[in-house]
Amino acid sequence: MIIVAGTIRIPADKIEALKPTAEATLLATRKEKGCIVYSYAFDVLDKGLLRIYEEWENLANLQEHLKQPHMGPWRAKLAEIGASDRSIKRFEAGAGEQL
């Protein structure tokens, strides 16, 4: 399994402007082959910090995701609203264990 996790800084006054594009991206991505989890969440204590978390069955599925047409509007919207401090990493993991 591949895990993608990270953060992007969103100007606080642009959060609402991002939400429709974020929702469209989430809905399209969650239908993709190999997508297990795909989510965005704003940090409760750090307004404007968008947390990203994804789980993919394998690297090929993730690589295919990055080429999908719905990723273009997402990237364009992030640039338009002045998103910054992007820090996203990919990890390889096993199935995990319940805690």
PDB file of N, CA and C in Angstrom:
ATOM      1  N   MET A   1       0.843  -1.175   0.000  1.00  0.00           N
ATOM      2  CA  MET A   1       0.000   0.000   0.000  1.00  0.00           C
ATOM      3  C   MET A   1       0.888   1.238   0.000  1.00  0.00           C
ATOM      4  N   ILE A   2       0.395   2.284  -0.660  1.00  0.00           N
ATOM      5  CA  ILE A   2       1.082   3.571  -0.707  1.00  0.00           C
ATOM      6  C   ILE A   2       0.265   4.568   0.103  1.00  0.00           C
ATOM      7  N   ILE A   3       0.939   5.297   0.986  1.00  0.00           N
ATOM      8  CA  ILE A   3       0.313   6.361   1.762  1.00  0.00           C
ATOM      9  C   ILE A   3       0.929   7.682   1.317  1.00  0.00           C
ATOM     10  N   VAL A   4       0.074   8.654   1.096  1.00  0.00           N
ATOM     11  CA  VAL A   4       0.511  10.008   0.775  1.00  0.00           C
ATOM     12  C   VAL A   4      -0.008  10.893   1.900  1.00  0.00           C
ATOM     13  N   ALA A   5       0.874  11.682   2.480  1.00  0.00           N
ATOM     14  CA  ALA A   5       0.467  12.563   3.580  1.00  0.00           C
ATOM     15  C   ALA A   5       1.249  13.864   3.494  1.00  0.00           C
ATOM     16  N   GLY A   6       0.574  14.938   3.844  1.00  0.00           N
ATOM     17  CA  GLY A   6       1.274  16.210   3.829  1.00  0.00           C
ATOM     18  C   GLY A   6       0.368  17.372   4.125  1.00  0.00           C
ATOM     19  N   THR A   7       0.887  18.566   3.844  1.00  0.00           N
ATOM     20  CA  THR A   7       0.170  19.797   4.123  1.00  0.00           C
ATOM     21  C   THR A   7       0.383  20.810   3.009  1.00  0.00           C
ATOM     22  N   ILE A   8      -0.572  21.709   2.903  1.00  0.00           N
ATOM     23  CA  ILE A   8      -0.483  22.875   2.030  1.00  0.00           C
ATOM     24  C   ILE A   8      -1.050  24.044   2.825  1.00  0.00           C
ATOM     25  N   ARG A   9      -0.419  25.185   2.740  1.00  0.00           N
ATOM     26  CA  ARG A   9      -0.890  26.390   3.425  1.00  0.00           C
ATOM     27  C   ARG A   9      -1.842  27.140   2.483  1.00  0.00           C
ATOM     28  N   ILE A  10      -3.063  27.405   2.961  1.00  0.00           N
ATOM     29  CA  ILE A  10      -4.091  28.119   2.207  1.00  0.00           C
ATOM     30  C   ILE A  10      -4.349  29.455   2.894  1.00  0.00           C
ATOM     31  N   PRO A  11      -4.320  30.567   2.170  1.00  0.00           N
ATOM     32  CA  PRO A  11      -4.663  31.837   2.816  1.00  0.00           C
ATOM     33  C   PRO A  11      -6.051  31.728   3.456  1.00  0.00           C
ATOM     34  N   ALA A  12      -6.163  32.138   4.698  1.00  0.00           N
ATOM     35  CA  ALA A  12      -7.406  31.964   5.455  1.00  0.00           C
ATOM     36  C   ALA A  12      -8.616  32.558   4.742  1.00  0.00           C
ATOM     37  N   ASP A  13      -8.418  33.675   4.057  1.00  0.00           N
ATOM     38  CA  ASP A  13      -9.550  34.316   3.379  1.00  0.00           C
ATOM     39  C   ASP A  13      -9.897  33.648   2.049  1.00  0.00           C
ATOM     40  N   LYS A  14      -9.162  32.600   1.677  1.00  0.00           N
ATOM     41  CA  LYS A  14      -9.415  31.889   0.417  1.00  0.00           C
ATOM     42  C   LYS A  14      -9.947  30.473   0.630  1.00  0.00           C
ATOM     43  N   ILE A  15     -10.136  30.075   1.879  1.00  0.00           N
ATOM     44  CA  ILE A  15     -10.578  28.707   2.174  1.00  0.00           C
ATOM     45  C   ILE A  15     -11.923  28.407   1.507  1.00  0.00           C
ATOM     46  N   GLU A  16     -12.877  29.299   1.650  1.00  0.00           N
ATOM     47  CA  GLU A  16     -14.211  29.059   1.066  1.00  0.00           C
ATOM     48  C   GLU A  16     -14.135  28.978  -0.452  1.00  0.00           C
ATOM     49  N   ALA A  17     -13.266  29.759  -1.069  1.00  0.00           N
ATOM     50  CA  ALA A  17     -13.115  29.734  -2.532  1.00  0.00           C
ATOM     51  C   ALA A  17     -12.549  28.401  -3.018  1.00  0.00           C
ATOM     52  N   LEU A  18     -11.782  27.728  -2.172  1.00  0.00           N
ATOM     53  CA  LEU A  18     -11.174  26.453  -2.537  1.00  0.00           C
ATOM     54  C   LEU A  18     -12.153  25.281  -2.432  1.00  0.00           C
ATOM     55  N   LYS A  19     -13.120  25.382  -1.553  1.00  0.00           N
ATOM     56  CA  LYS A  19     -13.974  24.231  -1.223  1.00  0.00           C
ATOM     57  C   LYS A  19     -14.696  23.594  -2.415  1.00  0.00           C
ATOM     58  N   PRO A  20     -15.288  24.327  -3.346  1.00  0.00           N
ATOM     59  CA  PRO A  20     -15.953  23.639  -4.467  1.00  0.00           C
ATOM     60  C   PRO A  20     -14.994  22.810  -5.327  1.00  0.00           C
ATOM     61  N   THR A  21     -13.813  23.334  -5.575  1.00  0.00           N
ATOM     62  CA  THR A  21     -12.825  22.588  -6.358  1.00  0.00           C
ATOM     63  C   THR A  21     -12.313  21.400  -5.561  1.00  0.00           C
ATOM     64  N   ALA A  22     -12.117  21.582  -4.271  1.00  0.00           N
ATOM     65  CA  ALA A  22     -11.678  20.477  -3.416  1.00  0.00           C
ATOM     66  C   ALA A  22     -12.710  19.358  -3.429  1.00  0.00           C
ATOM     67  N   GLU A  23     -13.975  19.721  -3.316  1.00  0.00           N
ATOM     68  CA  GLU A  23     -15.033  18.706  -3.311  1.00  0.00           C
ATOM     69  C   GLU A  23     -15.076  17.950  -4.636  1.00  0.00           C
ATOM     70  N   ALA A  24     -14.981  18.665  -5.744  1.00  0.00           N
ATOM     71  CA  ALA A  24     -14.996  18.013  -7.055  1.00  0.00           C
ATOM     72  C   ALA A  24     -13.809  17.062  -7.211  1.00  0.00           C
ATOM     73  N   THR A  25     -12.649  17.479  -6.729  1.00  0.00           N
ATOM     74  CA  THR A  25     -11.451  16.641  -6.809  1.00  0.00           C
ATOM     75  C   THR A  25     -11.604  15.396  -5.946  1.00  0.00           C
ATOM     76  N   LEU A  26     -12.115  15.568  -4.748  1.00  0.00           N
ATOM     77  CA  LEU A  26     -12.338  14.427  -3.856  1.00  0.00           C
ATOM     78  C   LEU A  26     -13.295  13.419  -4.483  1.00  0.00           C
ATOM     79  N   LEU A  27     -14.421  13.895  -4.981  1.00  0.00           N
ATOM     80  CA  LEU A  27     -15.422  12.995  -5.556  1.00  0.00           C
ATOM     81  C   LEU A  27     -14.872  12.226  -6.754  1.00  0.00           C
ATOM     82  N   ALA A  28     -14.142  12.899  -7.633  1.00  0.00           N
ATOM     83  CA  ALA A  28     -13.579  12.232  -8.809  1.00  0.00           C
ATOM     84  C   ALA A  28     -12.487  11.244  -8.419  1.00  0.00           C
ATOM     85  N   THR A  29     -11.617  11.647  -7.507  1.00  0.00           N
ATOM     86  CA  THR A  29     -10.496  10.796  -7.119  1.00  0.00           C
ATOM     87  C   THR A  29     -10.966   9.539  -6.406  1.00  0.00           C
ATOM     88  N   ARG A  30     -11.952   9.662  -5.563  1.00  0.00           N
ATOM     89  CA  ARG A  30     -12.438   8.505  -4.813  1.00  0.00           C
ATOM     90  C   ARG A  30     -13.023   7.419  -5.712  1.00  0.00           C
ATOM     91  N   LYS A  31     -13.310   7.750  -6.963  1.00  0.00           N
ATOM     92  CA  LYS A  31     -13.812   6.770  -7.931  1.00  0.00           C
ATOM     93  C   LYS A  31     -12.683   6.083  -8.702  1.00  0.00           C
ATOM     94  N   GLU A  32     -11.463   6.575  -8.549  1.00  0.00           N
ATOM     95  CA  GLU A  32     -10.337   6.041  -9.309  1.00  0.00           C
ATOM     96  C   GLU A  32      -9.949   4.634  -8.861  1.00  0.00           C
ATOM     97  N   LYS A  33      -9.439   3.889  -9.805  1.00  0.00           N
ATOM     98  CA  LYS A  33      -8.938   2.544  -9.522  1.00  0.00           C
ATOM     99  C   LYS A  33      -7.807   2.622  -8.497  1.00  0.00           C
ATOM    100  N   GLY A  34      -7.889   1.799  -7.470  1.00  0.00           N
ATOM    101  CA  GLY A  34      -6.825   1.706  -6.474  1.00  0.00           C
ATOM    102  C   GLY A  34      -6.893   2.711  -5.349  1.00  0.00           C
ATOM    103  N   CYS A  35      -7.851   3.638  -5.397  1.00  0.00           N
ATOM    104  CA  CYS A  35      -7.983   4.627  -4.322  1.00  0.00           C
ATOM    105  C   CYS A  35      -8.695   3.980  -3.138  1.00  0.00           C
ATOM    106  N   ILE A  36      -8.030   3.953  -2.011  1.00  0.00           N
ATOM    107  CA  ILE A  36      -8.604   3.409  -0.776  1.00  0.00           C
ATOM    108  C   ILE A  36      -9.146   4.550   0.085  1.00  0.00           C
ATOM    109  N   VAL A  37      -8.327   5.577   0.278  1.00  0.00           N
ATOM    110  CA  VAL A  37      -8.706   6.763   1.056  1.00  0.00           C
ATOM    111  C   VAL A  37      -8.145   7.981   0.342  1.00  0.00           C
ATOM    112  N   TYR A  38      -8.946   9.033   0.267  1.00  0.00           N
ATOM    113  CA  TYR A  38      -8.474  10.305  -0.294  1.00  0.00           C
ATOM    114  C   TYR A  38      -9.206  11.401   0.470  1.00  0.00           C
ATOM    115  N   SER A  39      -8.461  12.203   1.243  1.00  0.00           N
ATOM    116  CA  SER A  39      -9.136  13.196   2.070  1.00  0.00           C
ATOM    117  C   SER A  39      -8.312  14.462   2.258  1.00  0.00           C
ATOM    118  N   TYR A  40      -9.049  15.546   2.478  1.00  0.00           N
ATOM    119  CA  TYR A  40      -8.475  16.834   2.839  1.00  0.00           C
ATOM    120  C   TYR A  40      -9.140  17.249   4.152  1.00  0.00           C
ATOM    121  N   ALA A  41      -8.388  17.890   5.034  1.00  0.00           N
ATOM    122  CA  ALA A  41      -8.965  18.385   6.280  1.00  0.00           C
ATOM    123  C   ALA A  41      -8.196  19.623   6.730  1.00  0.00           C
ATOM    124  N   PHE A  42      -8.932  20.623   7.186  1.00  0.00           N
ATOM    125  CA  PHE A  42      -8.276  21.804   7.738  1.00  0.00           C
ATOM    126  C   PHE A  42      -7.963  21.581   9.207  1.00  0.00           C
ATOM    127  N   ASP A  43      -6.770  21.981   9.614  1.00  0.00           N
ATOM    128  CA  ASP A  43      -6.326  21.843  10.994  1.00  0.00           C
ATOM    129  C   ASP A  43      -7.205  22.701  11.905  1.00  0.00           C
ATOM    130  N   VAL A  44      -7.639  22.144  12.999  1.00  0.00           N
ATOM    131  CA  VAL A  44      -8.529  22.846  13.928  1.00  0.00           C
ATOM    132  C   VAL A  44      -7.836  24.038  14.584  1.00  0.00           C
ATOM    133  N   LEU A  45      -6.570  23.907  14.896  1.00  0.00           N
ATOM    134  CA  LEU A  45      -5.861  24.965  15.618  1.00  0.00           C
ATOM    135  C   LEU A  45      -5.019  25.877  14.734  1.00  0.00           C
ATOM    136  N   ASP A  46      -4.801  25.491  13.490  1.00  0.00           N
ATOM    137  CA  ASP A  46      -3.941  26.269  12.596  1.00  0.00           C
ATOM    138  C   ASP A  46      -4.726  26.595  11.332  1.00  0.00           C
ATOM    139  N   LYS A  47      -5.506  27.663  11.398  1.00  0.00           N
ATOM    140  CA  LYS A  47      -6.384  28.033  10.285  1.00  0.00           C
ATOM    141  C   LYS A  47      -5.561  28.213   9.016  1.00  0.00           C
ATOM    142  N   GLY A  48      -6.012  27.599   7.962  1.00  0.00           N
ATOM    143  CA  GLY A  48      -5.334  27.698   6.678  1.00  0.00           C
ATOM    144  C   GLY A  48      -4.382  26.557   6.397  1.00  0.00           C
ATOM    145  N   LEU A  49      -4.174  25.686   7.366  1.00  0.00           N
ATOM    146  CA  LEU A  49      -3.309  24.530   7.136  1.00  0.00           C
ATOM    147  C   LEU A  49      -4.174  23.369   6.659  1.00  0.00           C
ATOM    148  N   LEU A  50      -4.031  23.020   5.400  1.00  0.00           N
ATOM    149  CA  LEU A  50      -4.789  21.933   4.802  1.00  0.00           C
ATOM    150  C   LEU A  50      -3.969  20.657   4.892  1.00  0.00           C
ATOM    151  N   ARG A  51      -4.529  19.664   5.532  1.00  0.00           N
ATOM    152  CA  ARG A  51      -3.864  18.365   5.656  1.00  0.00           C
ATOM    153  C   ARG A  51      -4.404  17.436   4.582  1.00  0.00           C
ATOM    154  N   ILE A  52      -3.494  16.697   3.965  1.00  0.00           N
ATOM    155  CA  ILE A  52      -3.846  15.764   2.897  1.00  0.00           C
ATOM    156  C   ILE A  52      -3.463  14.365   3.339  1.00  0.00           C
ATOM    157  N   TYR A  53      -4.375  13.420   3.121  1.00  0.00           N
ATOM    158  CA  TYR A  53      -4.090  12.026   3.456  1.00  0.00           C
ATOM    159  C   TYR A  53      -4.699  11.143   2.379  1.00  0.00           C
ATOM    160  N   GLU A  54      -3.877  10.226   1.859  1.00  0.00           N
ATOM    161  CA  GLU A  54      -4.323   9.315   0.813  1.00  0.00           C
ATOM    162  C   GLU A  54      -3.777   7.914   1.073  1.00  0.00           C
ATOM    163  N   GLU A  55      -4.539   6.913   0.645  1.00  0.00           N
ATOM    164  CA  GLU A  55      -4.057   5.529   0.624  1.00  0.00           C
ATOM    165  C   GLU A  55      -4.382   4.971  -0.759  1.00  0.00           C
ATOM    166  N   TRP A  56      -3.389   4.326  -1.369  1.00  0.00           N
ATOM    167  CA  TRP A  56      -3.518   3.738  -2.700  1.00  0.00           C
ATOM    168  C   TRP A  56      -3.093   2.277  -2.648  1.00  0.00           C
ATOM    169  N   GLU A  57      -3.729   1.455  -3.452  1.00  0.00           N
ATOM    170  CA  GLU A  57      -3.376   0.034  -3.488  1.00  0.00           C
ATOM    171  C   GLU A  57      -1.927  -0.178  -3.906  1.00  0.00           C
ATOM    172  N   ASN A  58      -1.446   0.641  -4.848  1.00  0.00           N
ATOM    173  CA  ASN A  58      -0.068   0.485  -5.316  1.00  0.00           C
ATOM    174  C   ASN A  58       0.419   1.779  -5.969  1.00  0.00           C
ATOM    175  N   LEU A  59       1.704   1.815  -6.270  1.00  0.00           N
ATOM    176  CA  LEU A  59       2.327   3.005  -6.846  1.00  0.00           C
ATOM    177  C   LEU A  59       1.780   3.310  -8.234  1.00  0.00           C
ATOM    178  N   ALA A  60       1.494   2.291  -9.020  1.00  0.00           N
ATOM    179  CA  ALA A  60       0.958   2.519 -10.366  1.00  0.00           C
ATOM    180  C   ALA A  60      -0.367   3.277 -10.301  1.00  0.00           C
ATOM    181  N   ASN A  61      -1.230   2.931  -9.346  1.00  0.00           N
ATOM    182  CA  ASN A  61      -2.504   3.640  -9.192  1.00  0.00           C
ATOM    183  C   ASN A  61      -2.277   5.103  -8.820  1.00  0.00           C
ATOM    184  N   LEU A  62      -1.342   5.362  -7.927  1.00  0.00           N
ATOM    185  CA  LEU A  62      -1.035   6.743  -7.544  1.00  0.00           C
ATOM    186  C   LEU A  62      -0.497   7.518  -8.741  1.00  0.00           C
ATOM    187  N   GLN A  63       0.412   6.926  -9.483  1.00  0.00           N
ATOM    188  CA  GLN A  63       0.982   7.608 -10.647  1.00  0.00           C
ATOM    189  C   GLN A  63      -0.089   7.924 -11.686  1.00  0.00           C
ATOM    190  N   GLU A  64      -1.029   7.017 -11.865  1.00  0.00           N
ATOM    191  CA  GLU A  64      -2.128   7.251 -12.799  1.00  0.00           C
ATOM    192  C   GLU A  64      -3.028   8.377 -12.290  1.00  0.00           C
ATOM    193  N   HIS A  65      -3.247   8.420 -11.001  1.00  0.00           N
ATOM    194  CA  HIS A  65      -4.055   9.491 -10.383  1.00  0.00           C
ATOM    195  C   HIS A  65      -3.484  10.867 -10.717  1.00  0.00           C
ATOM    196  N   LEU A  66      -2.185  10.999 -10.637  1.00  0.00           N
ATOM    197  CA  LEU A  66      -1.554  12.302 -10.868  1.00  0.00           C
ATOM    198  C   LEU A  66      -1.734  12.799 -12.297  1.00  0.00           C
ATOM    199  N   LYS A  67      -2.089  11.915 -13.217  1.00  0.00           N
ATOM    200  CA  LYS A  67      -2.296  12.269 -14.626  1.00  0.00           C
ATOM    201  C   LYS A  67      -3.763  12.554 -14.965  1.00  0.00           C
ATOM    202  N   GLN A  68      -4.659  12.362 -14.018  1.00  0.00           N
ATOM    203  CA  GLN A  68      -6.091  12.496 -14.293  1.00  0.00           C
ATOM    204  C   GLN A  68      -6.489  13.937 -14.599  1.00  0.00           C
ATOM    205  N   PRO A  69      -7.462  14.117 -15.505  1.00  0.00           N
ATOM    206  CA  PRO A  69      -7.888  15.464 -15.890  1.00  0.00           C
ATOM    207  C   PRO A  69      -8.391  16.323 -14.729  1.00  0.00           C
ATOM    208  N   HIS A  70      -9.002  15.704 -13.733  1.00  0.00           N
ATOM    209  CA  HIS A  70      -9.531  16.510 -12.626  1.00  0.00           C
ATOM    210  C   HIS A  70      -8.443  17.084 -11.723  1.00  0.00           C
ATOM    211  N   MET A  71      -7.217  16.634 -11.895  1.00  0.00           N
ATOM    212  CA  MET A  71      -6.134  17.208 -11.102  1.00  0.00           C
ATOM    213  C   MET A  71      -5.707  18.584 -11.622  1.00  0.00           C
ATOM    214  N   GLY A  72      -5.950  18.854 -12.896  1.00  0.00           N
ATOM    215  CA  GLY A  72      -5.611  20.161 -13.472  1.00  0.00           C
ATOM    216  C   GLY A  72      -6.336  21.312 -12.802  1.00  0.00           C
ATOM    217  N   PRO A  73      -7.668  21.239 -12.681  1.00  0.00           N
ATOM    218  CA  PRO A  73      -8.383  22.318 -11.997  1.00  0.00           C
ATOM    219  C   PRO A  73      -7.969  22.476 -10.529  1.00  0.00           C
ATOM    220  N   TRP A  74      -7.644  21.375  -9.868  1.00  0.00           N
ATOM    221  CA  TRP A  74      -7.185  21.435  -8.469  1.00  0.00           C
ATOM    222  C   TRP A  74      -5.884  22.220  -8.392  1.00  0.00           C
ATOM    223  N   ARG A  75      -4.928  21.862  -9.232  1.00  0.00           N
ATOM    224  CA  ARG A  75      -3.635  22.560  -9.219  1.00  0.00           C
ATOM    225  C   ARG A  75      -3.804  24.039  -9.587  1.00  0.00           C
ATOM    226  N   ALA A  76      -4.654  24.304 -10.583  1.00  0.00           N
ATOM    227  CA  ALA A  76      -4.882  25.687 -11.013  1.00  0.00           C
ATOM    228  C   ALA A  76      -5.513  26.518  -9.901  1.00  0.00           C
ATOM    229  N   LYS A  77      -6.462  25.936  -9.190  1.00  0.00           N
ATOM    230  CA  LYS A  77      -7.130  26.668  -8.102  1.00  0.00           C
ATOM    231  C   LYS A  77      -6.154  26.962  -6.973  1.00  0.00           C
ATOM    232  N   LEU A  78      -5.309  25.991  -6.634  1.00  0.00           N
ATOM    233  CA  LEU A  78      -4.303  26.226  -5.593  1.00  0.00           C
ATOM    234  C   LEU A  78      -3.393  27.390  -5.983  1.00  0.00           C
ATOM    235  N   ALA A  79      -2.978  27.435  -7.239  1.00  0.00           N
ATOM    236  CA  ALA A  79      -2.119  28.532  -7.698  1.00  0.00           C
ATOM    237  C   ALA A  79      -2.874  29.858  -7.661  1.00  0.00           C
ATOM    238  N   GLU A  80      -4.117  29.835  -8.112  1.00  0.00           N
ATOM    239  CA  GLU A  80      -4.946  31.050  -8.163  1.00  0.00           C
ATOM    240  C   GLU A  80      -5.135  31.680  -6.789  1.00  0.00           C
ATOM    241  N   ILE A  81      -5.335  30.875  -5.772  1.00  0.00           N
ATOM    242  CA  ILE A  81      -5.603  31.429  -4.436  1.00  0.00           C
ATOM    243  C   ILE A  81      -4.328  31.681  -3.627  1.00  0.00           C
ATOM    244  N   GLY A  82      -3.184  31.360  -4.198  1.00  0.00           N
ATOM    245  CA  GLY A  82      -1.925  31.644  -3.506  1.00  0.00           C
ATOM    246  C   GLY A  82      -1.535  30.628  -2.458  1.00  0.00           C
ATOM    247  N   ALA A  83      -1.874  29.351  -2.703  1.00  0.00           N
ATOM    248  CA  ALA A  83      -1.446  28.292  -1.780  1.00  0.00           C
ATOM    249  C   ALA A  83       0.075  28.258  -1.724  1.00  0.00           C
ATOM    250  N   SER A  84       0.611  27.860  -0.576  1.00  0.00           N
ATOM    251  CA  SER A  84       2.069  27.850  -0.406  1.00  0.00           C
ATOM    252  C   SER A  84       2.490  26.745   0.557  1.00  0.00           C
ATOM    253  N   ASP A  85       3.776  26.648   0.755  1.00  0.00           N
ATOM    254  CA  ASP A  85       4.362  25.716   1.724  1.00  0.00           C
ATOM    255  C   ASP A  85       3.874  24.277   1.535  1.00  0.00           C
ATOM    256  N   ARG A  86       3.823  23.849   0.280  1.00  0.00           N
ATOM    257  CA  ARG A  86       3.389  22.490  -0.023  1.00  0.00           C
ATOM    258  C   ARG A  86       4.451  21.507   0.453  1.00  0.00           C
ATOM    259  N   SER A  87       4.034  20.557   1.277  1.00  0.00           N
ATOM    260  CA  SER A  87       4.932  19.512   1.768  1.00  0.00           C
ATOM    261  C   SER A  87       4.157  18.202   1.785  1.00  0.00           C
ATOM    262  N   ILE A  88       4.346  17.398   0.748  1.00  0.00           N
ATOM    263  CA  ILE A  88       3.605  16.148   0.605  1.00  0.00           C
ATOM    264  C   ILE A  88       4.600  15.034   0.315  1.00  0.00           C
ATOM    265  N   LYS A  89       4.462  13.919   1.047  1.00  0.00           N
ATOM    266  CA  LYS A  89       5.388  12.805   0.900  1.00  0.00           C
ATOM    267  C   LYS A  89       4.639  11.502   0.636  1.00  0.00           C
ATOM    268  N   ARG A  90       5.328  10.601  -0.034  1.00  0.00           N
ATOM    269  CA  ARG A  90       4.800   9.271  -0.318  1.00  0.00           C
ATOM    270  C   ARG A  90       5.534   8.254   0.556  1.00  0.00           C
ATOM    271  N   PHE A  91       4.766   7.299   1.100  1.00  0.00           N
ATOM    272  CA  PHE A  91       5.335   6.264   1.942  1.00  0.00           C
ATOM    273  C   PHE A  91       4.814   4.909   1.476  1.00  0.00           C
ATOM    274  N   GLU A  92       5.639   3.880   1.613  1.00  0.00           N
ATOM    275  CA  GLU A  92       5.178   2.528   1.369  1.00  0.00           C
ATOM    276  C   GLU A  92       4.891   1.894   2.721  1.00  0.00           C
ATOM    277  N   ALA A  93       3.762   1.172   2.814  1.00  0.00           N
ATOM    278  CA  ALA A  93       3.355   0.616   4.092  1.00  0.00           C
ATOM    279  C   ALA A  93       2.669  -0.732   3.905  1.00  0.00           C
ATOM    280  N   GLY A  94       2.615  -1.463   4.974  1.00  0.00           N
ATOM    281  CA  GLY A  94       1.845  -2.698   4.986  1.00  0.00           C
ATOM    282  C   GLY A  94       0.383  -2.378   5.254  1.00  0.00           C
ATOM    283  N   ALA A  95      -0.379  -3.401   5.519  1.00  0.00           N
ATOM    284  CA  ALA A  95      -1.803  -3.227   5.752  1.00  0.00           C
ATOM    285  C   ALA A  95      -2.109  -2.555   7.080  1.00  0.00           C
ATOM    286  N   GLY A  96      -1.172  -2.586   8.012  1.00  0.00           N
ATOM    287  CA  GLY A  96      -1.380  -1.966   9.315  1.00  0.00           C
ATOM    288  C   GLY A  96      -2.127  -2.889  10.265  1.00  0.00           C
ATOM    289  N   GLU A  97      -2.213  -2.442  11.496  1.00  0.00           N
ATOM    290  CA  GLU A  97      -2.895  -3.204  12.553  1.00  0.00           C
ATOM    291  C   GLU A  97      -3.829  -2.265  13.297  1.00  0.00           C
ATOM    292  N   GLN A  98      -4.960  -2.777  13.727  1.00  0.00           N
ATOM    293  CA  GLN A  98      -5.882  -1.982  14.535  1.00  0.00           C
ATOM    294  C   GLN A  98      -5.257  -1.687  15.902  1.00  0.00           C
ATOM    295  N   LEU A  99      -5.441  -0.493  16.367  1.00  0.00           N
ATOM    296  CA  LEU A  99      -4.960  -0.098  17.702  1.00  0.00           C
ATOM    297  C   LEU A  99      -6.094  -0.131  18.692  1.00  0.00           C
TER     298      LEU A  99
END
